[in-house]
Amino acid sequence: MGPTSSRMRWRHLLESDFSVCAIAEDDITPLLSIQQQFIGDDITYNMSCTTMFTVPSFIEQSWCAYMFDMKEEIIHVLDPLGLHLELAAIKVLQAHYADVIHEKLFHCFSKYYEIWNPQKKDWPHVYPVLTNDKFTKNQSGLCMLHCLRNYNGEELEQPLTLNGYSRLQHTFLHELLTMENNKATLPIHILKIIDPPNWRQV
């Protein structure tokens, strides 16, 4: 989901375990899995120039995500199912988790970087309308990934619709199976689809 350019990134995508650890632990900075997401060998770009820090989260058996806009100082709560519109308690829970994750995110900044130390304030939350269609909780994971990829800070650049969900499944599956350095042994019928000229060589 990241671009190939090595020096600058508009969005830094954290793993979902960041959300889990942030909510459960007092201090997450000593955890190696957390450190790797900020100062690991794969981080080849200037983190201080990143505009959006994105954290997927699993709440009430469905996926959502939080995008921390470093420029506008806003927390975007991406809820593809719109559960916050149906239940006030869900919105309260999402807002609470957003603030907790915000606190831990900035703690990581201050711990891992000597020169860059942005100041945390009370950032407002926004809940953009991502789709008018109704998805199930089982579909929320893929919907959340689509939103992370296509949300530009104001709206989705590619719409999220029930009619396009099947194509979305195929797209993500193909991208996962053909990911660079994927060493998995793929089933023959899958190879026939994604790599027809070479499947007989396996």
N, C-alpha and C. Protein backbone atom coordinates (compact mmCIF):
# COMPACT_ATOMS: atom_id res chain seq x y z
N MET A 1 0.82 -1.21 0.00
CA MET A 1 0.00 0.00 0.00
C MET A 1 0.85 1.26 0.00
N GLY A 2 2.17 1.10 0.11
CA GLY A 2 3.05 2.27 0.10
C GLY A 2 3.61 2.51 -1.28
N PRO A 3 3.91 3.76 -1.61
CA PRO A 3 4.51 4.08 -2.91
C PRO A 3 5.96 3.62 -2.95
N THR A 4 6.55 3.66 -4.12
CA THR A 4 7.92 3.16 -4.28
C THR A 4 8.97 4.22 -4.00
N SER A 5 8.59 5.50 -3.94
CA SER A 5 9.57 6.55 -3.66
C SER A 5 10.13 6.38 -2.26
N SER A 6 11.41 6.66 -2.08
CA SER A 6 12.09 6.31 -0.83
C SER A 6 12.30 7.50 0.11
N ARG A 7 12.21 8.74 -0.37
CA ARG A 7 12.56 9.87 0.46
C ARG A 7 11.38 10.52 1.18
N MET A 8 10.21 10.57 0.53
CA MET A 8 9.08 11.26 1.10
C MET A 8 7.84 10.37 1.06
N ARG A 9 7.04 10.46 2.09
CA ARG A 9 5.76 9.76 2.12
C ARG A 9 4.67 10.69 2.62
N TRP A 10 3.53 10.68 1.94
CA TRP A 10 2.40 11.46 2.42
C TRP A 10 1.73 10.76 3.60
N ARG A 11 1.72 9.41 3.56
CA ARG A 11 1.01 8.62 4.56
C ARG A 11 1.93 7.55 5.12
N HIS A 12 1.93 7.40 6.44
CA HIS A 12 2.66 6.30 7.08
C HIS A 12 1.63 5.38 7.72
N LEU A 13 1.60 4.16 7.26
CA LEU A 13 0.61 3.18 7.73
C LEU A 13 1.22 2.32 8.83
N LEU A 14 0.68 2.44 10.02
CA LEU A 14 1.11 1.60 11.14
C LEU A 14 0.31 0.30 11.12
N GLU A 15 0.85 -0.71 11.77
CA GLU A 15 0.18 -2.00 11.81
C GLU A 15 -0.93 -1.97 12.87
N SER A 16 -1.85 -2.90 12.73
CA SER A 16 -2.99 -2.92 13.65
C SER A 16 -2.57 -3.24 15.08
N ASP A 17 -1.41 -3.89 15.26
CA ASP A 17 -0.97 -4.20 16.61
C ASP A 17 -0.60 -2.92 17.38
N PHE A 18 -0.34 -1.83 16.65
CA PHE A 18 -0.07 -0.57 17.35
C PHE A 18 -1.30 -0.15 18.15
N SER A 19 -2.47 -0.29 17.54
CA SER A 19 -3.71 0.04 18.22
C SER A 19 -3.92 -0.87 19.43
N VAL A 20 -3.70 -2.16 19.24
CA VAL A 20 -3.91 -3.12 20.33
C VAL A 20 -2.98 -2.80 21.51
N CYS A 21 -1.70 -2.57 21.19
CA CYS A 21 -0.72 -2.29 22.25
C CYS A 21 -0.99 -0.94 22.91
N ALA A 22 -1.36 0.04 22.11
CA ALA A 22 -1.60 1.38 22.65
C ALA A 22 -2.74 1.37 23.66
N ILE A 23 -3.76 0.59 23.39
CA ILE A 23 -4.91 0.53 24.28
C ILE A 23 -4.62 -0.30 25.52
N ALA A 24 -3.73 -1.31 25.38
CA ALA A 24 -3.51 -2.26 26.47
C ALA A 24 -2.32 -1.93 27.36
N GLU A 25 -1.29 -1.27 26.82
CA GLU A 25 -0.03 -1.09 27.53
C GLU A 25 0.14 0.34 28.03
N ASP A 26 0.90 0.49 29.13
CA ASP A 26 1.23 1.82 29.63
C ASP A 26 2.29 2.48 28.76
N ASP A 27 3.34 1.74 28.46
CA ASP A 27 4.43 2.28 27.64
C ASP A 27 4.75 1.26 26.55
N ILE A 28 4.51 1.64 25.30
CA ILE A 28 4.71 0.71 24.20
C ILE A 28 6.05 0.92 23.50
N THR A 29 6.79 1.96 23.87
CA THR A 29 8.02 2.27 23.14
C THR A 29 9.11 1.20 23.27
N PRO A 30 9.19 0.41 24.37
CA PRO A 30 10.23 -0.63 24.42
C PRO A 30 9.94 -1.84 23.52
N LEU A 31 8.72 -1.97 23.01
CA LEU A 31 8.35 -3.14 22.23
C LEU A 31 9.02 -3.09 20.86
N LEU A 32 9.73 -4.17 20.51
CA LEU A 32 10.47 -4.22 19.25
C LEU A 32 9.54 -4.08 18.05
N SER A 33 8.36 -4.70 18.12
CA SER A 33 7.43 -4.62 17.00
C SER A 33 6.95 -3.19 16.76
N ILE A 34 6.89 -2.40 17.82
CA ILE A 34 6.50 -1.00 17.69
C ILE A 34 7.68 -0.18 17.16
N GLN A 35 8.86 -0.43 17.68
CA GLN A 35 10.04 0.30 17.23
C GLN A 35 10.27 0.13 15.73
N GLN A 36 10.04 -1.08 15.23
CA GLN A 36 10.28 -1.35 13.82
C GLN A 36 9.38 -0.53 12.91
N GLN A 37 8.24 -0.10 13.42
CA GLN A 37 7.30 0.67 12.62
C GLN A 37 7.69 2.15 12.53
N PHE A 38 8.67 2.56 13.33
CA PHE A 38 9.11 3.95 13.33
C PHE A 38 10.58 4.10 12.92
N ILE A 39 11.42 3.21 13.41
CA ILE A 39 12.86 3.36 13.16
C ILE A 39 13.47 2.06 12.64
N GLY A 40 12.66 1.20 12.05
CA GLY A 40 13.15 -0.05 11.49
C GLY A 40 13.91 0.18 10.19
N ASP A 41 14.56 -0.86 9.71
CA ASP A 41 15.36 -0.77 8.49
C ASP A 41 14.52 -0.41 7.27
N ASP A 42 13.22 -0.73 7.31
CA ASP A 42 12.35 -0.46 6.16
C ASP A 42 11.93 1.01 6.09
N ILE A 43 12.17 1.75 7.15
CA ILE A 43 11.79 3.18 7.16
C ILE A 43 12.93 3.97 6.53
N THR A 44 12.82 4.24 5.24
CA THR A 44 13.88 4.92 4.51
C THR A 44 13.53 6.36 4.17
N TYR A 45 12.39 6.84 4.64
CA TYR A 45 11.94 8.18 4.31
C TYR A 45 11.91 9.05 5.57
N ASN A 46 11.81 10.35 5.37
CA ASN A 46 11.82 11.32 6.45
C ASN A 46 10.46 11.33 7.14
N MET A 47 10.39 10.74 8.32
CA MET A 47 9.11 10.61 9.02
C MET A 47 8.52 11.98 9.39
N SER A 48 9.37 12.96 9.64
CA SER A 48 8.88 14.26 10.08
C SER A 48 8.16 15.02 8.97
N CYS A 49 8.31 14.56 7.72
CA CYS A 49 7.63 15.20 6.59
C CYS A 49 6.31 14.51 6.25
N THR A 50 5.98 13.46 6.98
CA THR A 50 4.75 12.71 6.71
C THR A 50 3.54 13.49 7.21
N THR A 51 2.52 13.58 6.37
CA THR A 51 1.32 14.34 6.74
C THR A 51 0.34 13.50 7.54
N MET A 52 0.13 12.25 7.11
CA MET A 52 -0.89 11.41 7.74
C MET A 52 -0.26 10.17 8.38
N PHE A 53 -0.55 9.95 9.63
CA PHE A 53 -0.21 8.69 10.30
C PHE A 53 -1.50 7.92 10.51
N THR A 54 -1.52 6.69 10.00
CA THR A 54 -2.76 5.92 9.93
C THR A 54 -2.66 4.66 10.79
N VAL A 55 -3.69 4.44 11.60
CA VAL A 55 -3.70 3.30 12.52
C VAL A 55 -5.01 2.52 12.35
N PRO A 56 -4.96 1.30 11.79
CA PRO A 56 -6.16 0.45 11.75
C PRO A 56 -6.50 -0.04 13.16
N SER A 57 -7.79 -0.25 13.42
CA SER A 57 -8.21 -0.69 14.74
C SER A 57 -9.45 -1.56 14.63
N PHE A 58 -9.53 -2.57 15.49
CA PHE A 58 -10.65 -3.51 15.49
C PHE A 58 -11.50 -3.22 16.73
N ILE A 59 -12.70 -2.68 16.52
CA ILE A 59 -13.57 -2.25 17.62
C ILE A 59 -14.97 -2.84 17.42
N GLU A 60 -15.49 -3.46 18.47
CA GLU A 60 -16.85 -4.03 18.43
C GLU A 60 -17.05 -4.94 17.22
N GLN A 61 -16.09 -5.84 17.02
CA GLN A 61 -16.14 -6.86 15.96
C GLN A 61 -16.14 -6.27 14.54
N SER A 62 -15.64 -5.05 14.37
CA SER A 62 -15.53 -4.49 13.03
C SER A 62 -14.29 -3.60 12.95
N TRP A 63 -13.83 -3.39 11.72
CA TRP A 63 -12.61 -2.62 11.49
C TRP A 63 -12.93 -1.15 11.20
N CYS A 64 -12.11 -0.28 11.78
CA CYS A 64 -12.12 1.13 11.44
C CYS A 64 -10.65 1.58 11.41
N ALA A 65 -10.42 2.86 11.24
CA ALA A 65 -9.05 3.35 11.23
C ALA A 65 -9.03 4.80 11.69
N TYR A 66 -7.89 5.20 12.22
CA TYR A 66 -7.68 6.58 12.63
C TYR A 66 -6.55 7.17 11.81
N MET A 67 -6.80 8.35 11.23
CA MET A 67 -5.77 9.04 10.47
C MET A 67 -5.46 10.35 11.19
N PHE A 68 -4.20 10.51 11.58
CA PHE A 68 -3.76 11.68 12.32
C PHE A 68 -3.10 12.65 11.35
N ASP A 69 -3.80 13.75 11.12
CA ASP A 69 -3.36 14.76 10.15
C ASP A 69 -2.41 15.73 10.86
N MET A 70 -1.11 15.58 10.57
CA MET A 70 -0.09 16.37 11.26
C MET A 70 -0.11 17.83 10.83
N LYS A 71 -0.63 18.11 9.66
CA LYS A 71 -0.66 19.48 9.16
C LYS A 71 -1.87 20.25 9.72
N GLU A 72 -3.04 19.65 9.60
CA GLU A 72 -4.26 20.31 10.05
C GLU A 72 -4.57 20.07 11.52
N GLU A 73 -3.86 19.11 12.14
CA GLU A 73 -4.06 18.75 13.54
C GLU A 73 -5.51 18.30 13.79
N ILE A 74 -5.89 17.30 13.01
CA ILE A 74 -7.23 16.71 13.08
C ILE A 74 -7.09 15.19 13.08
N ILE A 75 -7.97 14.53 13.80
CA ILE A 75 -8.04 13.07 13.77
C ILE A 75 -9.24 12.67 12.92
N HIS A 76 -8.98 11.99 11.81
CA HIS A 76 -10.04 11.49 10.95
C HIS A 76 -10.39 10.08 11.40
N VAL A 77 -11.61 9.85 11.79
CA VAL A 77 -12.09 8.52 12.19
C VAL A 77 -12.77 7.90 10.97
N LEU A 78 -12.13 6.89 10.40
CA LEU A 78 -12.67 6.23 9.21
C LEU A 78 -13.47 5.00 9.65
N ASP A 79 -14.77 5.13 9.60
CA ASP A 79 -15.69 4.07 10.02
C ASP A 79 -16.51 3.65 8.79
N PRO A 80 -16.03 2.65 8.04
CA PRO A 80 -16.71 2.31 6.78
C PRO A 80 -18.12 1.79 6.96
N LEU A 81 -18.46 1.28 8.14
CA LEU A 81 -19.82 0.79 8.38
C LEU A 81 -20.74 1.88 8.90
N GLY A 82 -20.18 3.02 9.27
CA GLY A 82 -21.00 4.10 9.81
C GLY A 82 -21.64 3.75 11.14
N LEU A 83 -20.98 2.91 11.94
CA LEU A 83 -21.56 2.49 13.21
C LEU A 83 -21.74 3.67 14.17
N HIS A 84 -20.88 4.69 14.03
CA HIS A 84 -20.98 5.86 14.91
C HIS A 84 -22.27 6.64 14.67
N LEU A 85 -22.86 6.45 13.49
CA LEU A 85 -24.12 7.13 13.19
C LEU A 85 -25.31 6.39 13.79
N GLU A 86 -25.14 5.09 13.98
CA GLU A 86 -26.23 4.26 14.48
C GLU A 86 -26.26 4.19 16.00
N LEU A 87 -25.08 4.18 16.61
CA LEU A 87 -24.99 4.02 18.06
C LEU A 87 -24.07 5.09 18.64
N ALA A 88 -24.63 5.93 19.51
CA ALA A 88 -23.82 6.98 20.13
C ALA A 88 -22.68 6.39 20.95
N ALA A 89 -22.91 5.21 21.54
CA ALA A 89 -21.87 4.59 22.36
C ALA A 89 -20.65 4.22 21.53
N ILE A 90 -20.87 3.84 20.27
CA ILE A 90 -19.75 3.51 19.39
C ILE A 90 -18.92 4.75 19.10
N LYS A 91 -19.58 5.87 18.88
CA LYS A 91 -18.86 7.12 18.62
C LYS A 91 -18.03 7.53 19.83
N VAL A 92 -18.59 7.37 21.01
CA VAL A 92 -17.86 7.68 22.25
C VAL A 92 -16.64 6.78 22.38
N LEU A 93 -16.82 5.49 22.08
CA LEU A 93 -15.72 4.53 22.17
C LEU A 93 -14.63 4.85 21.15
N GLN A 94 -15.03 5.16 19.92
CA GLN A 94 -14.06 5.50 18.89
C GLN A 94 -13.29 6.76 19.26
N ALA A 95 -13.98 7.75 19.80
CA ALA A 95 -13.31 8.98 20.20
C ALA A 95 -12.31 8.73 21.33
N HIS A 96 -12.69 7.86 22.27
CA HIS A 96 -11.79 7.53 23.37
C HIS A 96 -10.54 6.83 22.86
N TYR A 97 -10.72 5.82 22.00
CA TYR A 97 -9.57 5.10 21.47
C TYR A 97 -8.69 6.02 20.62
N ALA A 98 -9.31 6.93 19.87
CA ALA A 98 -8.54 7.87 19.06
C ALA A 98 -7.63 8.71 19.95
N ASP A 99 -8.14 9.16 21.07
CA ASP A 99 -7.33 9.98 21.98
C ASP A 99 -6.22 9.16 22.64
N VAL A 100 -6.52 7.92 23.01
CA VAL A 100 -5.51 7.06 23.62
C VAL A 100 -4.38 6.78 22.62
N ILE A 101 -4.75 6.42 21.39
CA ILE A 101 -3.76 6.14 20.36
C ILE A 101 -2.96 7.39 20.02
N HIS A 102 -3.64 8.53 20.01
CA HIS A 102 -2.96 9.81 19.77
C HIS A 102 -1.86 10.04 20.82
N GLU A 103 -2.19 9.81 22.06
CA GLU A 103 -1.23 9.98 23.15
C GLU A 103 -0.02 9.08 22.97
N LYS A 104 -0.26 7.80 22.65
CA LYS A 104 0.84 6.86 22.50
C LYS A 104 1.66 7.14 21.24
N LEU A 105 1.00 7.61 20.18
CA LEU A 105 1.70 7.95 18.95
C LEU A 105 2.71 9.06 19.20
N PHE A 106 2.30 10.09 19.90
CA PHE A 106 3.21 11.20 20.17
C PHE A 106 4.26 10.85 21.20
N HIS A 107 3.97 9.89 22.05
CA HIS A 107 4.99 9.38 22.97
C HIS A 107 6.10 8.70 22.17
N CYS A 108 5.71 7.97 21.13
CA CYS A 108 6.70 7.33 20.26
C CYS A 108 7.56 8.37 19.55
N PHE A 109 6.93 9.43 19.08
CA PHE A 109 7.68 10.49 18.42
C PHE A 109 8.77 11.03 19.35
N SER A 110 8.39 11.35 20.58
CA SER A 110 9.34 11.95 21.52
C SER A 110 10.42 10.97 21.95
N LYS A 111 10.09 9.68 21.93
CA LYS A 111 11.05 8.66 22.38
C LYS A 111 12.06 8.30 21.29
N TYR A 112 11.58 8.22 20.05
CA TYR A 112 12.41 7.70 18.97
C TYR A 112 13.19 8.77 18.21
N TYR A 113 12.75 10.02 18.28
CA TYR A 113 13.38 11.07 17.48
C TYR A 113 13.91 12.18 18.38
N GLU A 114 15.16 12.56 18.17
CA GLU A 114 15.77 13.60 18.99
C GLU A 114 15.44 14.99 18.47
N ILE A 115 15.46 15.17 17.16
CA ILE A 115 15.27 16.50 16.57
C ILE A 115 13.79 16.83 16.41
N TRP A 116 13.01 15.83 15.99
CA TRP A 116 11.60 16.06 15.70
C TRP A 116 10.76 15.69 16.91
N ASN A 117 10.03 16.65 17.45
CA ASN A 117 9.20 16.40 18.62
C ASN A 117 7.94 17.26 18.53
N PRO A 118 6.98 16.88 17.68
CA PRO A 118 5.75 17.69 17.53
C PRO A 118 4.96 17.71 18.83
N GLN A 119 4.24 18.79 19.04
CA GLN A 119 3.50 18.96 20.27
C GLN A 119 2.06 18.46 20.12
N LYS A 120 1.67 17.64 21.06
CA LYS A 120 0.32 17.11 21.05
C LYS A 120 -0.63 18.12 21.69
N LYS A 121 -1.77 18.33 21.08
CA LYS A 121 -2.81 19.19 21.62
C LYS A 121 -4.12 18.41 21.63
N ASP A 122 -5.18 19.04 22.01
CA ASP A 122 -6.50 18.41 21.95
C ASP A 122 -7.02 18.54 20.52
N TRP A 123 -6.80 17.51 19.73
CA TRP A 123 -7.20 17.56 18.33
C TRP A 123 -8.67 17.19 18.18
N PRO A 124 -9.41 17.91 17.35
CA PRO A 124 -10.81 17.55 17.10
C PRO A 124 -10.91 16.28 16.26
N HIS A 125 -12.04 15.61 16.36
CA HIS A 125 -12.31 14.41 15.59
C HIS A 125 -13.29 14.74 14.47
N VAL A 126 -13.05 14.19 13.29
CA VAL A 126 -14.01 14.30 12.20
C VAL A 126 -14.37 12.89 11.75
N TYR A 127 -15.62 12.72 11.34
CA TYR A 127 -16.15 11.41 10.93
C TYR A 127 -16.67 11.53 9.51
N PRO A 128 -15.80 11.39 8.51
CA PRO A 128 -16.25 11.56 7.12
C PRO A 128 -17.23 10.46 6.71
N VAL A 129 -18.18 10.81 5.87
CA VAL A 129 -19.09 9.82 5.29
C VAL A 129 -18.34 9.13 4.15
N LEU A 130 -18.13 7.84 4.28
CA LEU A 130 -17.30 7.10 3.33
C LEU A 130 -18.11 6.37 2.27
N THR A 131 -19.34 6.02 2.59
CA THR A 131 -20.19 5.31 1.64
C THR A 131 -21.64 5.43 2.08
N ASN A 132 -22.53 5.32 1.15
CA ASN A 132 -23.96 5.28 1.45
C ASN A 132 -24.51 3.86 1.48
N ASP A 133 -23.66 2.89 1.11
CA ASP A 133 -24.07 1.49 1.12
C ASP A 133 -23.84 0.87 2.49
N LYS A 134 -24.55 -0.22 2.75
CA LYS A 134 -24.45 -0.90 4.03
C LYS A 134 -23.64 -2.20 3.88
N PHE A 135 -22.53 -2.28 4.60
CA PHE A 135 -21.69 -3.46 4.59
C PHE A 135 -21.82 -4.18 5.93
N THR A 136 -21.44 -5.45 5.95
CA THR A 136 -21.48 -6.23 7.18
C THR A 136 -20.15 -6.09 7.93
N LYS A 137 -20.16 -6.52 9.17
CA LYS A 137 -18.93 -6.47 9.96
C LYS A 137 -17.86 -7.38 9.35
N ASN A 138 -18.27 -8.49 8.74
CA ASN A 138 -17.30 -9.37 8.09
C ASN A 138 -16.64 -8.71 6.88
N GLN A 139 -17.29 -7.74 6.30
CA GLN A 139 -16.74 -7.03 5.14
C GLN A 139 -15.94 -5.80 5.55
N SER A 140 -15.95 -5.47 6.84
CA SER A 140 -15.37 -4.20 7.28
C SER A 140 -13.85 -4.13 7.08
N GLY A 141 -13.16 -5.29 7.17
CA GLY A 141 -11.71 -5.28 7.03
C GLY A 141 -11.27 -4.80 5.66
N LEU A 142 -11.86 -5.37 4.63
CA LEU A 142 -11.51 -4.97 3.26
C LEU A 142 -11.97 -3.54 2.98
N CYS A 143 -13.13 -3.18 3.52
CA CYS A 143 -13.61 -1.80 3.36
C CYS A 143 -12.64 -0.82 4.00
N MET A 144 -12.14 -1.17 5.18
CA MET A 144 -11.20 -0.30 5.87
C MET A 144 -9.92 -0.12 5.05
N LEU A 145 -9.40 -1.22 4.48
CA LEU A 145 -8.19 -1.12 3.65
C LEU A 145 -8.42 -0.24 2.43
N HIS A 146 -9.59 -0.37 1.83
CA HIS A 146 -9.91 0.47 0.68
C HIS A 146 -9.94 1.94 1.09
N CYS A 147 -10.50 2.22 2.26
CA CYS A 147 -10.57 3.61 2.73
C CYS A 147 -9.17 4.15 3.03
N LEU A 148 -8.33 3.34 3.64
CA LEU A 148 -6.96 3.79 3.93
C LEU A 148 -6.22 4.13 2.65
N ARG A 149 -6.43 3.35 1.64
CA ARG A 149 -5.73 3.55 0.38
C ARG A 149 -6.25 4.77 -0.37
N ASN A 150 -7.54 5.07 -0.25
CA ASN A 150 -8.16 6.06 -1.13
C ASN A 150 -8.60 7.35 -0.44
N TYR A 151 -8.54 7.41 0.88
CA TYR A 151 -8.96 8.63 1.56
C TYR A 151 -7.85 9.68 1.46
N ASN A 152 -8.19 10.85 0.95
CA ASN A 152 -7.18 11.89 0.70
C ASN A 152 -7.20 13.01 1.73
N GLY A 153 -7.91 12.81 2.82
CA GLY A 153 -8.02 13.84 3.84
C GLY A 153 -9.35 14.56 3.80
N GLU A 154 -10.10 14.36 2.72
CA GLU A 154 -11.41 14.97 2.58
C GLU A 154 -12.47 13.99 2.13
N GLU A 155 -12.10 13.09 1.22
CA GLU A 155 -13.06 12.15 0.65
C GLU A 155 -12.32 10.96 0.06
N LEU A 156 -13.08 9.95 -0.35
CA LEU A 156 -12.50 8.79 -1.02
C LEU A 156 -12.30 9.11 -2.50
N GLU A 157 -11.09 8.90 -3.00
CA GLU A 157 -10.83 9.14 -4.41
C GLU A 157 -11.44 8.04 -5.28
N GLN A 158 -11.62 6.85 -4.72
CA GLN A 158 -12.32 5.76 -5.39
C GLN A 158 -13.51 5.38 -4.51
N PRO A 159 -14.73 5.36 -5.03
CA PRO A 159 -15.91 5.11 -4.18
C PRO A 159 -15.92 3.70 -3.60
N LEU A 160 -16.57 3.57 -2.48
CA LEU A 160 -16.76 2.28 -1.82
C LEU A 160 -18.22 1.90 -1.97
N THR A 161 -18.50 0.87 -2.79
CA THR A 161 -19.87 0.47 -3.08
C THR A 161 -20.01 -1.04 -2.98
N LEU A 162 -21.23 -1.49 -2.74
CA LEU A 162 -21.50 -2.92 -2.71
C LEU A 162 -21.27 -3.55 -4.08
N ASN A 163 -21.61 -2.83 -5.13
CA ASN A 163 -21.41 -3.36 -6.48
C ASN A 163 -19.94 -3.59 -6.79
N GLY A 164 -19.07 -2.76 -6.20
CA GLY A 164 -17.64 -2.90 -6.47
C GLY A 164 -16.91 -3.76 -5.48
N TYR A 165 -17.63 -4.33 -4.49
CA TYR A 165 -16.95 -5.08 -3.43
C TYR A 165 -16.28 -6.34 -3.95
N SER A 166 -16.95 -7.07 -4.85
CA SER A 166 -16.37 -8.30 -5.39
C SER A 166 -15.08 -8.00 -6.14
N ARG A 167 -15.08 -6.95 -6.94
CA ARG A 167 -13.86 -6.56 -7.66
C ARG A 167 -12.76 -6.15 -6.68
N LEU A 168 -13.17 -5.53 -5.57
CA LEU A 168 -12.22 -5.15 -4.54
C LEU A 168 -11.56 -6.38 -3.93
N GLN A 169 -12.34 -7.41 -3.69
CA GLN A 169 -11.80 -8.67 -3.17
C GLN A 169 -10.75 -9.24 -4.12
N HIS A 170 -11.08 -9.28 -5.40
CA HIS A 170 -10.16 -9.85 -6.38
C HIS A 170 -8.88 -9.02 -6.50
N THR A 171 -9.04 -7.70 -6.43
CA THR A 171 -7.87 -6.82 -6.56
C THR A 171 -6.90 -7.03 -5.41
N PHE A 172 -7.41 -7.03 -4.19
CA PHE A 172 -6.54 -7.20 -3.03
C PHE A 172 -5.92 -8.60 -3.00
N LEU A 173 -6.69 -9.62 -3.37
CA LEU A 173 -6.15 -10.97 -3.39
C LEU A 173 -5.02 -11.07 -4.40
N HIS A 174 -5.23 -10.52 -5.58
CA HIS A 174 -4.18 -10.56 -6.61
C HIS A 174 -2.93 -9.82 -6.13
N GLU A 175 -3.11 -8.67 -5.51
CA GLU A 175 -1.95 -7.90 -5.06
C GLU A 175 -1.20 -8.61 -3.94
N LEU A 176 -1.92 -9.31 -3.08
CA LEU A 176 -1.26 -10.07 -2.01
C LEU A 176 -0.47 -11.24 -2.58
N LEU A 177 -1.09 -11.97 -3.50
CA LEU A 177 -0.45 -13.16 -4.05
C LEU A 177 0.76 -12.82 -4.92
N THR A 178 0.75 -11.67 -5.54
CA THR A 178 1.85 -11.28 -6.43
C THR A 178 2.80 -10.29 -5.77
N MET A 179 2.70 -10.13 -4.47
CA MET A 179 3.55 -9.18 -3.75
C MET A 179 5.01 -9.58 -3.89
N GLU A 180 5.87 -8.59 -4.04
CA GLU A 180 7.31 -8.84 -4.18
C GLU A 180 7.84 -9.57 -2.94
N ASN A 181 8.69 -10.56 -3.17
CA ASN A 181 9.32 -11.37 -2.13
C ASN A 181 8.34 -12.33 -1.44
N ASN A 182 7.15 -12.51 -2.01
CA ASN A 182 6.23 -13.51 -1.48
C ASN A 182 6.77 -14.90 -1.82
N LYS A 183 7.16 -15.66 -0.81
CA LYS A 183 7.79 -16.96 -1.03
C LYS A 183 6.82 -18.12 -0.82
N ALA A 184 5.54 -17.80 -0.70
CA ALA A 184 4.55 -18.85 -0.49
C ALA A 184 4.40 -19.71 -1.74
N THR A 185 4.13 -21.00 -1.52
CA THR A 185 3.83 -21.91 -2.63
C THR A 185 2.35 -21.78 -2.96
N LEU A 186 2.06 -21.23 -4.11
CA LEU A 186 0.67 -20.97 -4.47
C LEU A 186 0.05 -22.18 -5.15
N PRO A 187 -1.24 -22.43 -4.93
CA PRO A 187 -1.93 -23.53 -5.60
C PRO A 187 -1.89 -23.36 -7.12
N ILE A 188 -1.88 -24.49 -7.84
CA ILE A 188 -1.75 -24.47 -9.30
C ILE A 188 -2.88 -23.67 -9.95
N HIS A 189 -4.11 -23.85 -9.47
CA HIS A 189 -5.22 -23.15 -10.12
C HIS A 189 -5.12 -21.64 -9.92
N ILE A 190 -4.44 -21.22 -8.84
CA ILE A 190 -4.20 -19.78 -8.65
C ILE A 190 -3.12 -19.31 -9.61
N LEU A 191 -2.06 -20.10 -9.75
CA LEU A 191 -0.98 -19.72 -10.67
C LEU A 191 -1.48 -19.62 -12.11
N LYS A 192 -2.41 -20.47 -12.48
CA LYS A 192 -2.97 -20.40 -13.83
C LYS A 192 -3.62 -19.04 -14.10
N ILE A 193 -4.18 -18.46 -13.04
CA ILE A 193 -4.89 -17.20 -13.20
C ILE A 193 -3.93 -16.02 -13.19
N ILE A 194 -2.99 -15.99 -12.23
CA ILE A 194 -2.17 -14.80 -12.05
C ILE A 194 -0.88 -14.83 -12.86
N ASP A 195 -0.45 -16.02 -13.31
CA ASP A 195 0.82 -16.10 -14.06
C ASP A 195 0.74 -17.21 -15.10
N PRO A 196 -0.14 -17.08 -16.07
CA PRO A 196 -0.39 -18.15 -17.05
C PRO A 196 0.87 -18.65 -17.76
N PRO A 197 1.80 -17.80 -18.22
CA PRO A 197 2.94 -18.32 -18.99
C PRO A 197 3.88 -19.21 -18.19
N ASN A 198 3.91 -19.04 -16.87
CA ASN A 198 4.92 -19.73 -16.06
C ASN A 198 4.39 -20.80 -15.12
N TRP A 199 3.08 -21.03 -15.13
CA TRP A 199 2.55 -21.92 -14.11
C TRP A 199 3.02 -23.36 -14.27
N ARG A 200 3.31 -23.80 -15.50
CA ARG A 200 3.77 -25.18 -15.73
C ARG A 200 5.19 -25.39 -15.23
N GLN A 201 5.94 -24.34 -14.96
CA GLN A 201 7.31 -24.49 -14.49
C GLN A 201 7.39 -24.81 -13.01
N VAL A 202 6.30 -24.68 -12.29
CA VAL A 202 6.32 -24.90 -10.85
C VAL A 202 6.25 -26.39 -10.54
